[in-house]
ModelCIF file with pLDDT and N, C-alpha, C, O atoms, coordinates in Angstrom:
data_MODEL
#
_entry.id   MODEL 
#
_entity.id                         1 
_entity.type                       polymer 
_entity.pdbx_number_of_molecules   1 
#
_entity_poly.entity_id                      1 
_entity_poly.type                           'polypeptide(L)' 
_entity_poly.nstd_linkage                   no 
_entity_poly.nstd_monomer                   no 
_entity_poly.pdbx_seq_one_letter_code       KTVDVYLTIDEGKKYYIRNIDWVGNTIYPSDYLSAVLGMKPGDVYNQK 
_entity_poly.pdbx_seq_one_letter_code_can   KTVDVYLTIDEGKKYYIRNIDWVGNTIYPSDYLSAVLGMKPGDVYNQK 
_entity_poly.pdbx_strand_id                 A 
#
loop_
_entity_poly_seq.entity_id 
_entity_poly_seq.num 
_entity_poly_seq.mon_id 
_entity_poly_seq.hetero 
1 1  LYS n 
1 2  THR n 
1 3  VAL n 
1 4  ASP n 
1 5  VAL n 
1 6  TYR n 
1 7  LEU n 
1 8  THR n 
1 9  ILE n 
1 10 ASP n 
1 11 GLU n 
1 12 GLY n 
1 13 LYS n 
1 14 LYS n 
1 15 TYR n 
1 16 TYR n 
1 17 ILE n 
1 18 ARG n 
1 19 ASN n 
1 20 ILE n 
1 21 ASP n 
1 22 TRP n 
1 23 VAL n 
1 24 GLY n 
1 25 ASN n 
1 26 THR n 
1 27 ILE n 
1 28 TYR n 
1 29 PRO n 
1 30 SER n 
1 31 ASP n 
1 32 TYR n 
1 33 LEU n 
1 34 SER n 
1 35 ALA n 
1 36 VAL n 
1 37 LEU n 
1 38 GLY n 
1 39 MET n 
1 40 LYS n 
1 41 PRO n 
1 42 GLY n 
1 43 ASP n 
1 44 VAL n 
1 45 TYR n 
1 46 ASN n 
1 47 GLN n 
1 48 LYS n 
#
_struct_asym.id          A 
_struct_asym.entity_id   1 
#
loop_
_ma_qa_metric.id 
_ma_qa_metric.mode 
_ma_qa_metric.name 
_ma_qa_metric.software_group_id 
_ma_qa_metric.type 
1 global pLDDT . pLDDT 
2 local  pLDDT . pLDDT 
#
_ma_qa_metric_global.metric_id      1 
_ma_qa_metric_global.metric_value   94.25 
_ma_qa_metric_global.model_id       1 
_ma_qa_metric_global.ordinal_id     1 
#
loop_
_ma_qa_metric_local.label_asym_id 
_ma_qa_metric_local.label_comp_id 
_ma_qa_metric_local.label_seq_id 
_ma_qa_metric_local.metric_id 
_ma_qa_metric_local.metric_value 
_ma_qa_metric_local.model_id 
_ma_qa_metric_local.ordinal_id 
A LYS 1  2 85.00 1 1  
A THR 2  2 89.00 1 2  
A VAL 3  2 91.00 1 3  
A ASP 4  2 93.00 1 4  
A VAL 5  2 95.00 1 5  
A TYR 6  2 96.00 1 6  
A LEU 7  2 96.00 1 7  
A THR 8  2 96.00 1 8  
A ILE 9  2 96.00 1 9  
A ASP 10 2 96.00 1 10 
A GLU 11 2 95.00 1 11 
A GLY 12 2 94.00 1 12 
A LYS 13 2 93.00 1 13 
A LYS 14 2 95.00 1 14 
A TYR 15 2 96.00 1 15 
A TYR 16 2 96.00 1 16 
A ILE 17 2 95.00 1 17 
A ARG 18 2 95.00 1 18 
A ASN 19 2 94.00 1 19 
A ILE 20 2 95.00 1 20 
A ASP 21 2 95.00 1 21 
A TRP 22 2 96.00 1 22 
A VAL 23 2 95.00 1 23 
A GLY 24 2 94.00 1 24 
A ASN 25 2 94.00 1 25 
A THR 26 2 93.00 1 26 
A ILE 27 2 93.00 1 27 
A TYR 28 2 94.00 1 28 
A PRO 29 2 95.00 1 29 
A SER 30 2 95.00 1 30 
A ASP 31 2 94.00 1 31 
A TYR 32 2 95.00 1 32 
A LEU 33 2 95.00 1 33 
A SER 34 2 95.00 1 34 
A ALA 35 2 95.00 1 35 
A VAL 36 2 95.00 1 36 
A LEU 37 2 95.00 1 37 
A GLY 38 2 94.00 1 38 
A MET 39 2 94.00 1 39 
A LYS 40 2 94.00 1 40 
A PRO 41 2 94.00 1 41 
A GLY 42 2 94.00 1 42 
A ASP 43 2 95.00 1 43 
A VAL 44 2 95.00 1 44 
A TYR 45 2 95.00 1 45 
A ASN 46 2 95.00 1 46 
A GLN 47 2 93.00 1 47 
A LYS 48 2 92.00 1 48 
#
loop_
_atom_site.group_PDB 
_atom_site.id 
_atom_site.type_symbol 
_atom_site.label_atom_id 
_atom_site.label_alt_id 
_atom_site.label_comp_id 
_atom_site.label_asym_id 
_atom_site.label_entity_id 
_atom_site.label_seq_id 
_atom_site.pdbx_PDB_ins_code 
_atom_site.Cartn_x 
_atom_site.Cartn_y 
_atom_site.Cartn_z 
_atom_site.occupancy 
_atom_site.B_iso_or_equiv 
_atom_site.pdbx_formal_charge 
_atom_site.auth_seq_id 
_atom_site.auth_comp_id 
_atom_site.auth_asym_id 
_atom_site.auth_atom_id 
_atom_site.pdbx_PDB_model_num 
ATOM 1   N N  . LYS A 1 1  ? -22.462 -82.240 31.354 1.00 85.00 ? 1  LYS A N  1 
ATOM 2   C CA . LYS A 1 1  ? -21.477 -81.383 30.778 1.00 85.00 ? 1  LYS A CA 1 
ATOM 3   C C  . LYS A 1 1  ? -21.762 -79.939 30.657 1.00 85.00 ? 1  LYS A C  1 
ATOM 4   O O  . LYS A 1 1  ? -20.838 -79.127 30.606 1.00 85.00 ? 1  LYS A O  1 
ATOM 5   N N  . THR A 1 2  ? -23.040 -79.576 30.607 1.00 89.00 ? 2  THR A N  1 
ATOM 6   C CA . THR A 1 2  ? -23.522 -78.234 30.292 1.00 89.00 ? 2  THR A CA 1 
ATOM 7   C C  . THR A 1 2  ? -24.545 -77.662 31.503 1.00 89.00 ? 2  THR A C  1 
ATOM 8   O O  . THR A 1 2  ? -25.047 -78.379 32.369 1.00 89.00 ? 2  THR A O  1 
ATOM 9   N N  . VAL A 1 3  ? -24.703 -76.479 31.395 1.00 91.00 ? 3  VAL A N  1 
ATOM 10  C CA . VAL A 1 3  ? -25.745 -75.755 32.185 1.00 91.00 ? 3  VAL A CA 1 
ATOM 11  C C  . VAL A 1 3  ? -26.586 -74.687 31.211 1.00 91.00 ? 3  VAL A C  1 
ATOM 12  O O  . VAL A 1 3  ? -26.190 -74.258 30.128 1.00 91.00 ? 3  VAL A O  1 
ATOM 13  N N  . ASP A 1 4  ? -27.630 -74.423 31.761 1.00 93.00 ? 4  ASP A N  1 
ATOM 14  C CA . ASP A 1 4  ? -28.419 -73.395 31.089 1.00 93.00 ? 4  ASP A CA 1 
ATOM 15  C C  . ASP A 1 4  ? -28.587 -72.126 32.117 1.00 93.00 ? 4  ASP A C  1 
ATOM 16  O O  . ASP A 1 4  ? -28.788 -72.276 33.322 1.00 93.00 ? 4  ASP A O  1 
ATOM 17  N N  . VAL A 1 5  ? -28.482 -70.934 31.502 1.00 95.00 ? 5  VAL A N  1 
ATOM 18  C CA . VAL A 1 5  ? -28.480 -69.786 32.397 1.00 95.00 ? 5  VAL A CA 1 
ATOM 19  C C  . VAL A 1 5  ? -29.784 -69.032 32.231 1.00 95.00 ? 5  VAL A C  1 
ATOM 20  O O  . VAL A 1 5  ? -30.087 -68.885 31.047 1.00 95.00 ? 5  VAL A O  1 
ATOM 21  N N  . TYR A 1 6  ? -30.513 -68.590 32.978 1.00 96.00 ? 6  TYR A N  1 
ATOM 22  C CA . TYR A 1 6  ? -31.695 -67.893 32.978 1.00 96.00 ? 6  TYR A CA 1 
ATOM 23  C C  . TYR A 1 6  ? -31.533 -66.524 33.608 1.00 96.00 ? 6  TYR A C  1 
ATOM 24  O O  . TYR A 1 6  ? -31.120 -66.428 34.764 1.00 96.00 ? 6  TYR A O  1 
ATOM 25  N N  . LEU A 1 7  ? -31.852 -65.449 32.870 1.00 96.00 ? 7  LEU A N  1 
ATOM 26  C CA . LEU A 1 7  ? -31.859 -64.087 33.434 1.00 96.00 ? 7  LEU A CA 1 
ATOM 27  C C  . LEU A 1 7  ? -33.068 -63.276 33.225 1.00 96.00 ? 7  LEU A C  1 
ATOM 28  O O  . LEU A 1 7  ? -33.535 -63.222 32.087 1.00 96.00 ? 7  LEU A O  1 
ATOM 29  N N  . THR A 1 8  ? -33.636 -62.631 34.205 1.00 96.00 ? 8  THR A N  1 
ATOM 30  C CA . THR A 1 8  ? -34.582 -61.769 34.243 1.00 96.00 ? 8  THR A CA 1 
ATOM 31  C C  . THR A 1 8  ? -34.310 -60.489 34.393 1.00 96.00 ? 8  THR A C  1 
ATOM 32  O O  . THR A 1 8  ? -33.858 -60.174 35.493 1.00 96.00 ? 8  THR A O  1 
ATOM 33  N N  . ILE A 1 9  ? -34.470 -59.560 33.512 1.00 96.00 ? 9  ILE A N  1 
ATOM 34  C CA . ILE A 1 9  ? -34.052 -57.972 33.765 1.00 96.00 ? 9  ILE A CA 1 
ATOM 35  C C  . ILE A 1 9  ? -35.057 -57.090 33.779 1.00 96.00 ? 9  ILE A C  1 
ATOM 36  O O  . ILE A 1 9  ? -35.950 -57.083 32.933 1.00 96.00 ? 9  ILE A O  1 
ATOM 37  N N  . ASP A 1 10 ? -34.968 -56.246 34.797 1.00 96.00 ? 10 ASP A N  1 
ATOM 38  C CA . ASP A 1 10 ? -35.739 -54.938 34.818 1.00 96.00 ? 10 ASP A CA 1 
ATOM 39  C C  . ASP A 1 10 ? -34.943 -53.808 34.220 1.00 96.00 ? 10 ASP A C  1 
ATOM 40  O O  . ASP A 1 10 ? -33.969 -53.385 34.843 1.00 96.00 ? 10 ASP A O  1 
ATOM 41  N N  . GLU A 1 11 ? -35.275 -53.296 33.081 1.00 95.00 ? 11 GLU A N  1 
ATOM 42  C CA . GLU A 1 11 ? -34.534 -52.215 32.574 1.00 95.00 ? 11 GLU A CA 1 
ATOM 43  C C  . GLU A 1 11 ? -34.765 -50.700 33.310 1.00 95.00 ? 11 GLU A C  1 
ATOM 44  O O  . GLU A 1 11 ? -33.861 -49.866 33.345 1.00 95.00 ? 11 GLU A O  1 
ATOM 45  N N  . GLY A 1 12 ? -35.905 -50.507 33.802 1.00 94.00 ? 12 GLY A N  1 
ATOM 46  C CA . GLY A 1 12 ? -36.203 -49.065 34.231 1.00 94.00 ? 12 GLY A CA 1 
ATOM 47  C C  . GLY A 1 12 ? -36.252 -48.197 33.085 1.00 94.00 ? 12 GLY A C  1 
ATOM 48  O O  . GLY A 1 12 ? -36.320 -48.613 31.928 1.00 94.00 ? 12 GLY A O  1 
ATOM 49  N N  . LYS A 1 13 ? -36.216 -46.933 33.434 1.00 93.00 ? 13 LYS A N  1 
ATOM 50  C CA . LYS A 1 13 ? -36.262 -45.937 32.363 1.00 93.00 ? 13 LYS A CA 1 
ATOM 51  C C  . LYS A 1 13 ? -34.976 -45.149 32.155 1.00 93.00 ? 13 LYS A C  1 
ATOM 52  O O  . LYS A 1 13 ? -34.103 -45.177 33.022 1.00 93.00 ? 13 LYS A O  1 
ATOM 53  N N  . LYS A 1 14 ? -34.846 -44.519 31.148 1.00 95.00 ? 14 LYS A N  1 
ATOM 54  C CA . LYS A 1 14 ? -33.642 -43.841 30.658 1.00 95.00 ? 14 LYS A CA 1 
ATOM 55  C C  . LYS A 1 14 ? -33.552 -42.423 31.365 1.00 95.00 ? 14 LYS A C  1 
ATOM 56  O O  . LYS A 1 14 ? -34.584 -41.753 31.365 1.00 95.00 ? 14 LYS A O  1 
ATOM 57  N N  . TYR A 1 15 ? -32.521 -41.951 31.912 1.00 96.00 ? 15 TYR A N  1 
ATOM 58  C CA . TYR A 1 15 ? -32.293 -40.660 32.432 1.00 96.00 ? 15 TYR A CA 1 
ATOM 59  C C  . TYR A 1 15 ? -31.408 -39.879 31.675 1.00 96.00 ? 15 TYR A C  1 
ATOM 60  O O  . TYR A 1 15 ? -30.544 -40.323 30.919 1.00 96.00 ? 15 TYR A O  1 
ATOM 61  N N  . TYR A 1 16 ? -31.722 -38.370 31.968 1.00 96.00 ? 16 TYR A N  1 
ATOM 62  C CA . TYR A 1 16 ? -30.934 -37.424 31.157 1.00 96.00 ? 16 TYR A CA 1 
ATOM 63  C C  . TYR A 1 16 ? -30.361 -36.474 32.341 1.00 96.00 ? 16 TYR A C  1 
ATOM 64  O O  . TYR A 1 16 ? -30.948 -36.403 33.421 1.00 96.00 ? 16 TYR A O  1 
ATOM 65  N N  . ILE A 1 17 ? -29.209 -35.773 32.073 1.00 95.00 ? 17 ILE A N  1 
ATOM 66  C CA . ILE A 1 17 ? -28.721 -34.659 32.845 1.00 95.00 ? 17 ILE A CA 1 
ATOM 67  C C  . ILE A 1 17 ? -29.367 -33.319 32.756 1.00 95.00 ? 17 ILE A C  1 
ATOM 68  O O  . ILE A 1 17 ? -29.297 -32.669 31.713 1.00 95.00 ? 17 ILE A O  1 
ATOM 69  N N  . ARG A 1 18 ? -29.940 -32.919 33.721 1.00 95.00 ? 18 ARG A N  1 
ATOM 70  C CA . ARG A 1 18 ? -30.559 -31.720 33.756 1.00 95.00 ? 18 ARG A CA 1 
ATOM 71  C C  . ARG A 1 18 ? -29.661 -30.408 33.934 1.00 95.00 ? 18 ARG A C  1 
ATOM 72  O O  . ARG A 1 18 ? -29.677 -29.448 33.163 1.00 95.00 ? 18 ARG A O  1 
ATOM 73  N N  . ASN A 1 19 ? -28.907 -30.528 35.037 1.00 94.00 ? 19 ASN A N  1 
ATOM 74  C CA . ASN A 1 19 ? -27.852 -29.515 35.605 1.00 94.00 ? 19 ASN A CA 1 
ATOM 75  C C  . ASN A 1 19 ? -26.665 -30.202 35.990 1.00 94.00 ? 19 ASN A C  1 
ATOM 76  O O  . ASN A 1 19 ? -26.722 -31.405 36.243 1.00 94.00 ? 19 ASN A O  1 
ATOM 77  N N  . ILE A 1 20 ? -25.659 -29.605 36.057 1.00 95.00 ? 20 ILE A N  1 
ATOM 78  C CA . ILE A 1 20 ? -24.364 -29.844 36.688 1.00 95.00 ? 20 ILE A CA 1 
ATOM 79  C C  . ILE A 1 20 ? -23.753 -28.671 37.464 1.00 95.00 ? 20 ILE A C  1 
ATOM 80  O O  . ILE A 1 20 ? -23.506 -27.560 36.996 1.00 95.00 ? 20 ILE A O  1 
ATOM 81  N N  . ASP A 1 21 ? -23.568 -29.043 38.588 1.00 95.00 ? 21 ASP A N  1 
ATOM 82  C CA . ASP A 1 21 ? -23.160 -27.986 39.458 1.00 95.00 ? 21 ASP A CA 1 
ATOM 83  C C  . ASP A 1 21 ? -21.954 -28.262 40.420 1.00 95.00 ? 21 ASP A C  1 
ATOM 84  O O  . ASP A 1 21 ? -22.012 -29.177 41.243 1.00 95.00 ? 21 ASP A O  1 
ATOM 85  N N  . TRP A 1 22 ? -20.862 -27.450 40.296 1.00 96.00 ? 22 TRP A N  1 
ATOM 86  C CA . TRP A 1 22 ? -19.560 -27.697 41.182 1.00 96.00 ? 22 TRP A CA 1 
ATOM 87  C C  . TRP A 1 22 ? -19.680 -27.016 42.339 1.00 96.00 ? 22 TRP A C  1 
ATOM 88  O O  . TRP A 1 22 ? -20.116 -25.866 42.386 1.00 96.00 ? 22 TRP A O  1 
ATOM 89  N N  . VAL A 1 23 ? -19.271 -27.735 43.422 1.00 95.00 ? 23 VAL A N  1 
ATOM 90  C CA . VAL A 1 23 ? -19.225 -27.215 44.828 1.00 95.00 ? 23 VAL A CA 1 
ATOM 91  C C  . VAL A 1 23 ? -17.973 -27.430 45.470 1.00 95.00 ? 23 VAL A C  1 
ATOM 92  O O  . VAL A 1 23 ? -17.518 -28.570 45.564 1.00 95.00 ? 23 VAL A O  1 
ATOM 93  N N  . GLY A 1 24 ? -17.281 -26.279 45.992 1.00 94.00 ? 24 GLY A N  1 
ATOM 94  C CA . GLY A 1 24 ? -16.229 -26.406 46.686 1.00 94.00 ? 24 GLY A CA 1 
ATOM 95  C C  . GLY A 1 24 ? -14.874 -26.288 46.059 1.00 94.00 ? 24 GLY A C  1 
ATOM 96  O O  . GLY A 1 24 ? -13.819 -26.495 46.659 1.00 94.00 ? 24 GLY A O  1 
ATOM 97  N N  . ASN A 1 25 ? -14.993 -25.923 44.750 1.00 94.00 ? 25 ASN A N  1 
ATOM 98  C CA . ASN A 1 25 ? -13.732 -25.618 43.775 1.00 94.00 ? 25 ASN A CA 1 
ATOM 99  C C  . ASN A 1 25 ? -13.332 -24.124 43.960 1.00 94.00 ? 25 ASN A C  1 
ATOM 100 O O  . ASN A 1 25 ? -14.127 -23.193 44.093 1.00 94.00 ? 25 ASN A O  1 
ATOM 101 N N  . THR A 1 26 ? -11.953 -24.042 43.945 1.00 93.00 ? 26 THR A N  1 
ATOM 102 C CA . THR A 1 26 ? -11.379 -22.557 44.239 1.00 93.00 ? 26 THR A CA 1 
ATOM 103 C C  . THR A 1 26 ? -10.186 -22.458 43.357 1.00 93.00 ? 26 THR A C  1 
ATOM 104 O O  . THR A 1 26 ? -9.769  -21.346 43.032 1.00 93.00 ? 26 THR A O  1 
ATOM 105 N N  . ILE A 1 27 ? -9.531  -23.699 42.894 1.00 93.00 ? 27 ILE A N  1 
ATOM 106 C CA . ILE A 1 27 ? -8.346  -23.451 42.092 1.00 93.00 ? 27 ILE A CA 1 
ATOM 107 C C  . ILE A 1 27 ? -8.785  -23.312 40.526 1.00 93.00 ? 27 ILE A C  1 
ATOM 108 O O  . ILE A 1 27 ? -8.221  -22.527 39.764 1.00 93.00 ? 27 ILE A O  1 
ATOM 109 N N  . TYR A 1 28 ? -9.803  -24.124 40.157 1.00 94.00 ? 28 TYR A N  1 
ATOM 110 C CA . TYR A 1 28 ? -10.238 -24.082 38.775 1.00 94.00 ? 28 TYR A CA 1 
ATOM 111 C C  . TYR A 1 28 ? -11.850 -23.513 38.776 1.00 94.00 ? 28 TYR A C  1 
ATOM 112 O O  . TYR A 1 28 ? -12.621 -23.817 39.687 1.00 94.00 ? 28 TYR A O  1 
ATOM 113 N N  . PRO A 1 29 ? -12.182 -22.795 37.826 1.00 95.00 ? 29 PRO A N  1 
ATOM 114 C CA . PRO A 1 29 ? -13.538 -22.321 37.673 1.00 95.00 ? 29 PRO A CA 1 
ATOM 115 C C  . PRO A 1 29 ? -14.385 -23.371 37.335 1.00 95.00 ? 29 PRO A C  1 
ATOM 116 O O  . PRO A 1 29 ? -13.888 -24.354 36.784 1.00 95.00 ? 29 PRO A O  1 
ATOM 117 N N  . SER A 1 30 ? -15.714 -23.331 37.596 1.00 95.00 ? 30 SER A N  1 
ATOM 118 C CA . SER A 1 30 ? -16.757 -24.356 37.273 1.00 95.00 ? 30 SER A CA 1 
ATOM 119 C C  . SER A 1 30 ? -16.886 -24.575 35.769 1.00 95.00 ? 30 SER A C  1 
ATOM 120 O O  . SER A 1 30 ? -17.202 -25.683 35.334 1.00 95.00 ? 30 SER A O  1 
ATOM 121 N N  . ASP A 1 31 ? -16.631 -23.467 34.917 1.00 94.00 ? 31 ASP A N  1 
ATOM 122 C CA . ASP A 1 31 ? -16.785 -23.539 33.667 1.00 94.00 ? 31 ASP A CA 1 
ATOM 123 C C  . ASP A 1 31 ? -15.610 -24.386 32.931 1.00 94.00 ? 31 ASP A C  1 
ATOM 124 O O  . ASP A 1 31 ? -15.900 -25.072 31.950 1.00 94.00 ? 31 ASP A O  1 
ATOM 125 N N  . TYR A 1 32 ? -14.317 -24.329 33.407 1.00 95.00 ? 32 TYR A N  1 
ATOM 126 C CA . TYR A 1 32 ? -13.265 -24.968 32.893 1.00 95.00 ? 32 TYR A CA 1 
ATOM 127 C C  . TYR A 1 32 ? -13.499 -26.590 33.328 1.00 95.00 ? 32 TYR A C  1 
ATOM 128 O O  . TYR A 1 32 ? -13.242 -27.472 32.509 1.00 95.00 ? 32 TYR A O  1 
ATOM 129 N N  . LEU A 1 33 ? -13.943 -26.870 34.514 1.00 95.00 ? 33 LEU A N  1 
ATOM 130 C CA . LEU A 1 33 ? -14.198 -28.107 35.123 1.00 95.00 ? 33 LEU A CA 1 
ATOM 131 C C  . LEU A 1 33 ? -15.176 -28.874 34.281 1.00 95.00 ? 33 LEU A C  1 
ATOM 132 O O  . LEU A 1 33 ? -15.037 -30.065 34.005 1.00 95.00 ? 33 LEU A O  1 
ATOM 133 N N  . SER A 1 34 ? -16.244 -28.062 33.862 1.00 95.00 ? 34 SER A N  1 
ATOM 134 C CA . SER A 1 34 ? -17.234 -28.679 33.003 1.00 95.00 ? 34 SER A CA 1 
ATOM 135 C C  . SER A 1 34 ? -16.831 -29.017 31.691 1.00 95.00 ? 34 SER A C  1 
ATOM 136 O O  . SER A 1 34 ? -17.254 -30.002 31.086 1.00 95.00 ? 34 SER A O  1 
ATOM 137 N N  . ALA A 1 35 ? -15.938 -28.127 31.211 1.00 95.00 ? 35 ALA A N  1 
ATOM 138 C CA . ALA A 1 35 ? -15.311 -28.412 29.755 1.00 95.00 ? 35 ALA A CA 1 
ATOM 139 C C  . ALA A 1 35 ? -14.411 -29.782 29.891 1.00 95.00 ? 35 ALA A C  1 
ATOM 140 O O  . ALA A 1 35 ? -14.461 -30.652 29.022 1.00 95.00 ? 35 ALA A O  1 
ATOM 141 N N  . VAL A 1 36 ? -13.621 -29.889 31.009 1.00 95.00 ? 36 VAL A N  1 
ATOM 142 C CA . VAL A 1 36 ? -12.881 -31.010 31.148 1.00 95.00 ? 36 VAL A CA 1 
ATOM 143 C C  . VAL A 1 36 ? -13.681 -32.324 31.356 1.00 95.00 ? 36 VAL A C  1 
ATOM 144 O O  . VAL A 1 36 ? -13.290 -33.408 30.922 1.00 95.00 ? 36 VAL A O  1 
ATOM 145 N N  . LEU A 1 37 ? -14.800 -32.150 32.033 1.00 95.00 ? 37 LEU A N  1 
ATOM 146 C CA . LEU A 1 37 ? -15.838 -33.440 32.224 1.00 95.00 ? 37 LEU A CA 1 
ATOM 147 C C  . LEU A 1 37 ? -16.240 -33.722 30.860 1.00 95.00 ? 37 LEU A C  1 
ATOM 148 O O  . LEU A 1 37 ? -16.252 -34.914 30.552 1.00 95.00 ? 37 LEU A O  1 
ATOM 149 N N  . GLY A 1 38 ? -16.563 -32.899 30.005 1.00 94.00 ? 38 GLY A N  1 
ATOM 150 C CA . GLY A 1 38 ? -17.136 -33.203 28.804 1.00 94.00 ? 38 GLY A CA 1 
ATOM 151 C C  . GLY A 1 38 ? -18.488 -33.676 28.820 1.00 94.00 ? 38 GLY A C  1 
ATOM 152 O O  . GLY A 1 38 ? -18.851 -34.336 27.846 1.00 94.00 ? 38 GLY A O  1 
ATOM 153 N N  . MET A 1 39 ? -19.338 -33.450 29.792 1.00 94.00 ? 39 MET A N  1 
ATOM 154 C CA . MET A 1 39 ? -20.668 -33.899 29.865 1.00 94.00 ? 39 MET A CA 1 
ATOM 155 C C  . MET A 1 39 ? -21.492 -32.565 30.218 1.00 94.00 ? 39 MET A C  1 
ATOM 156 O O  . MET A 1 39 ? -21.073 -31.786 31.074 1.00 94.00 ? 39 MET A O  1 
ATOM 157 N N  . LYS A 1 40 ? -22.567 -32.367 29.584 1.00 94.00 ? 40 LYS A N  1 
ATOM 158 C CA . LYS A 1 40 ? -23.333 -31.226 29.599 1.00 94.00 ? 40 LYS A CA 1 
ATOM 159 C C  . LYS A 1 40 ? -24.913 -31.626 29.859 1.00 94.00 ? 40 LYS A C  1 
ATOM 160 O O  . LYS A 1 40 ? -25.374 -32.764 29.759 1.00 94.00 ? 40 LYS A O  1 
ATOM 161 N N  . PRO A 1 41 ? -25.605 -30.485 30.201 1.00 94.00 ? 41 PRO A N  1 
ATOM 162 C CA . PRO A 1 41 ? -27.039 -30.791 30.501 1.00 94.00 ? 41 PRO A CA 1 
ATOM 163 C C  . PRO A 1 41 ? -27.787 -31.236 29.124 1.00 94.00 ? 41 PRO A C  1 
ATOM 164 O O  . PRO A 1 41 ? -27.591 -30.659 28.054 1.00 94.00 ? 41 PRO A O  1 
ATOM 165 N N  . GLY A 1 42 ? -28.571 -32.214 29.273 1.00 94.00 ? 42 GLY A N  1 
ATOM 166 C CA . GLY A 1 42 ? -29.531 -32.705 27.979 1.00 94.00 ? 42 GLY A CA 1 
ATOM 167 C C  . GLY A 1 42 ? -28.668 -34.089 27.503 1.00 94.00 ? 42 GLY A C  1 
ATOM 168 O O  . GLY A 1 42 ? -29.140 -34.862 26.670 1.00 94.00 ? 42 GLY A O  1 
ATOM 169 N N  . ASP A 1 43 ? -27.338 -34.302 28.139 1.00 95.00 ? 43 ASP A N  1 
ATOM 170 C CA . ASP A 1 43 ? -26.811 -35.477 27.705 1.00 95.00 ? 43 ASP A CA 1 
ATOM 171 C C  . ASP A 1 43 ? -27.426 -36.756 28.300 1.00 95.00 ? 43 ASP A C  1 
ATOM 172 O O  . ASP A 1 43 ? -28.160 -36.611 29.277 1.00 95.00 ? 43 ASP A O  1 
ATOM 173 N N  . VAL A 1 44 ? -27.224 -37.894 27.856 1.00 95.00 ? 44 VAL A N  1 
ATOM 174 C CA . VAL A 1 44 ? -27.647 -39.168 28.718 1.00 95.00 ? 44 VAL A CA 1 
ATOM 175 C C  . VAL A 1 44 ? -26.960 -39.189 29.770 1.00 95.00 ? 44 VAL A C  1 
ATOM 176 O O  . VAL A 1 44 ? -25.790 -38.822 29.653 1.00 95.00 ? 44 VAL A O  1 
ATOM 177 N N  . TYR A 1 45 ? -27.389 -39.565 30.963 1.00 95.00 ? 45 TYR A N  1 
ATOM 178 C CA . TYR A 1 45 ? -26.828 -39.888 32.183 1.00 95.00 ? 45 TYR A CA 1 
ATOM 179 C C  . TYR A 1 45 ? -25.934 -41.241 32.068 1.00 95.00 ? 45 TYR A C  1 
ATOM 180 O O  . TYR A 1 45 ? -26.415 -42.364 32.217 1.00 95.00 ? 45 TYR A O  1 
ATOM 181 N N  . ASN A 1 46 ? -24.790 -41.021 31.830 1.00 95.00 ? 46 ASN A N  1 
ATOM 182 C CA . ASN A 1 46 ? -23.785 -42.129 31.512 1.00 95.00 ? 46 ASN A CA 1 
ATOM 183 C C  . ASN A 1 46 ? -22.962 -42.152 32.700 1.00 95.00 ? 46 ASN A C  1 
ATOM 184 O O  . ASN A 1 46 ? -22.093 -41.287 32.807 1.00 95.00 ? 46 ASN A O  1 
ATOM 185 N N  . GLN A 1 47 ? -23.123 -43.100 33.694 1.00 93.00 ? 47 GLN A N  1 
ATOM 186 C CA . GLN A 1 47 ? -22.512 -43.332 34.898 1.00 93.00 ? 47 GLN A CA 1 
ATOM 187 C C  . GLN A 1 47 ? -21.115 -43.712 34.518 1.00 93.00 ? 47 GLN A C  1 
ATOM 188 O O  . GLN A 1 47 ? -20.184 -43.151 35.096 1.00 93.00 ? 47 GLN A O  1 
ATOM 189 N N  . LYS A 1 48 ? -20.869 -44.665 33.545 1.00 92.00 ? 48 LYS A N  1 
ATOM 190 C CA . LYS A 1 48 ? -19.467 -44.974 33.449 1.00 92.00 ? 48 LYS A CA 1 
ATOM 191 C C  . LYS A 1 48 ? -18.556 -43.866 32.919 1.00 92.00 ? 48 LYS A C  1 
ATOM 192 O O  . LYS A 1 48 ? -17.345 -44.061 32.811 1.00 92.00 ? 48 LYS A O  1 
#
């Protein structure tokens, strides 16, 4: 009626953002896009 689940995880290391550069934008300036993005250099690199 039941099963056991076994998981082995390799966590790796934690990464941070060093720089954010915008390329190809002409409608909105980079500073404005960075403010909308809400992420800045030094933050944890949160892919989600």
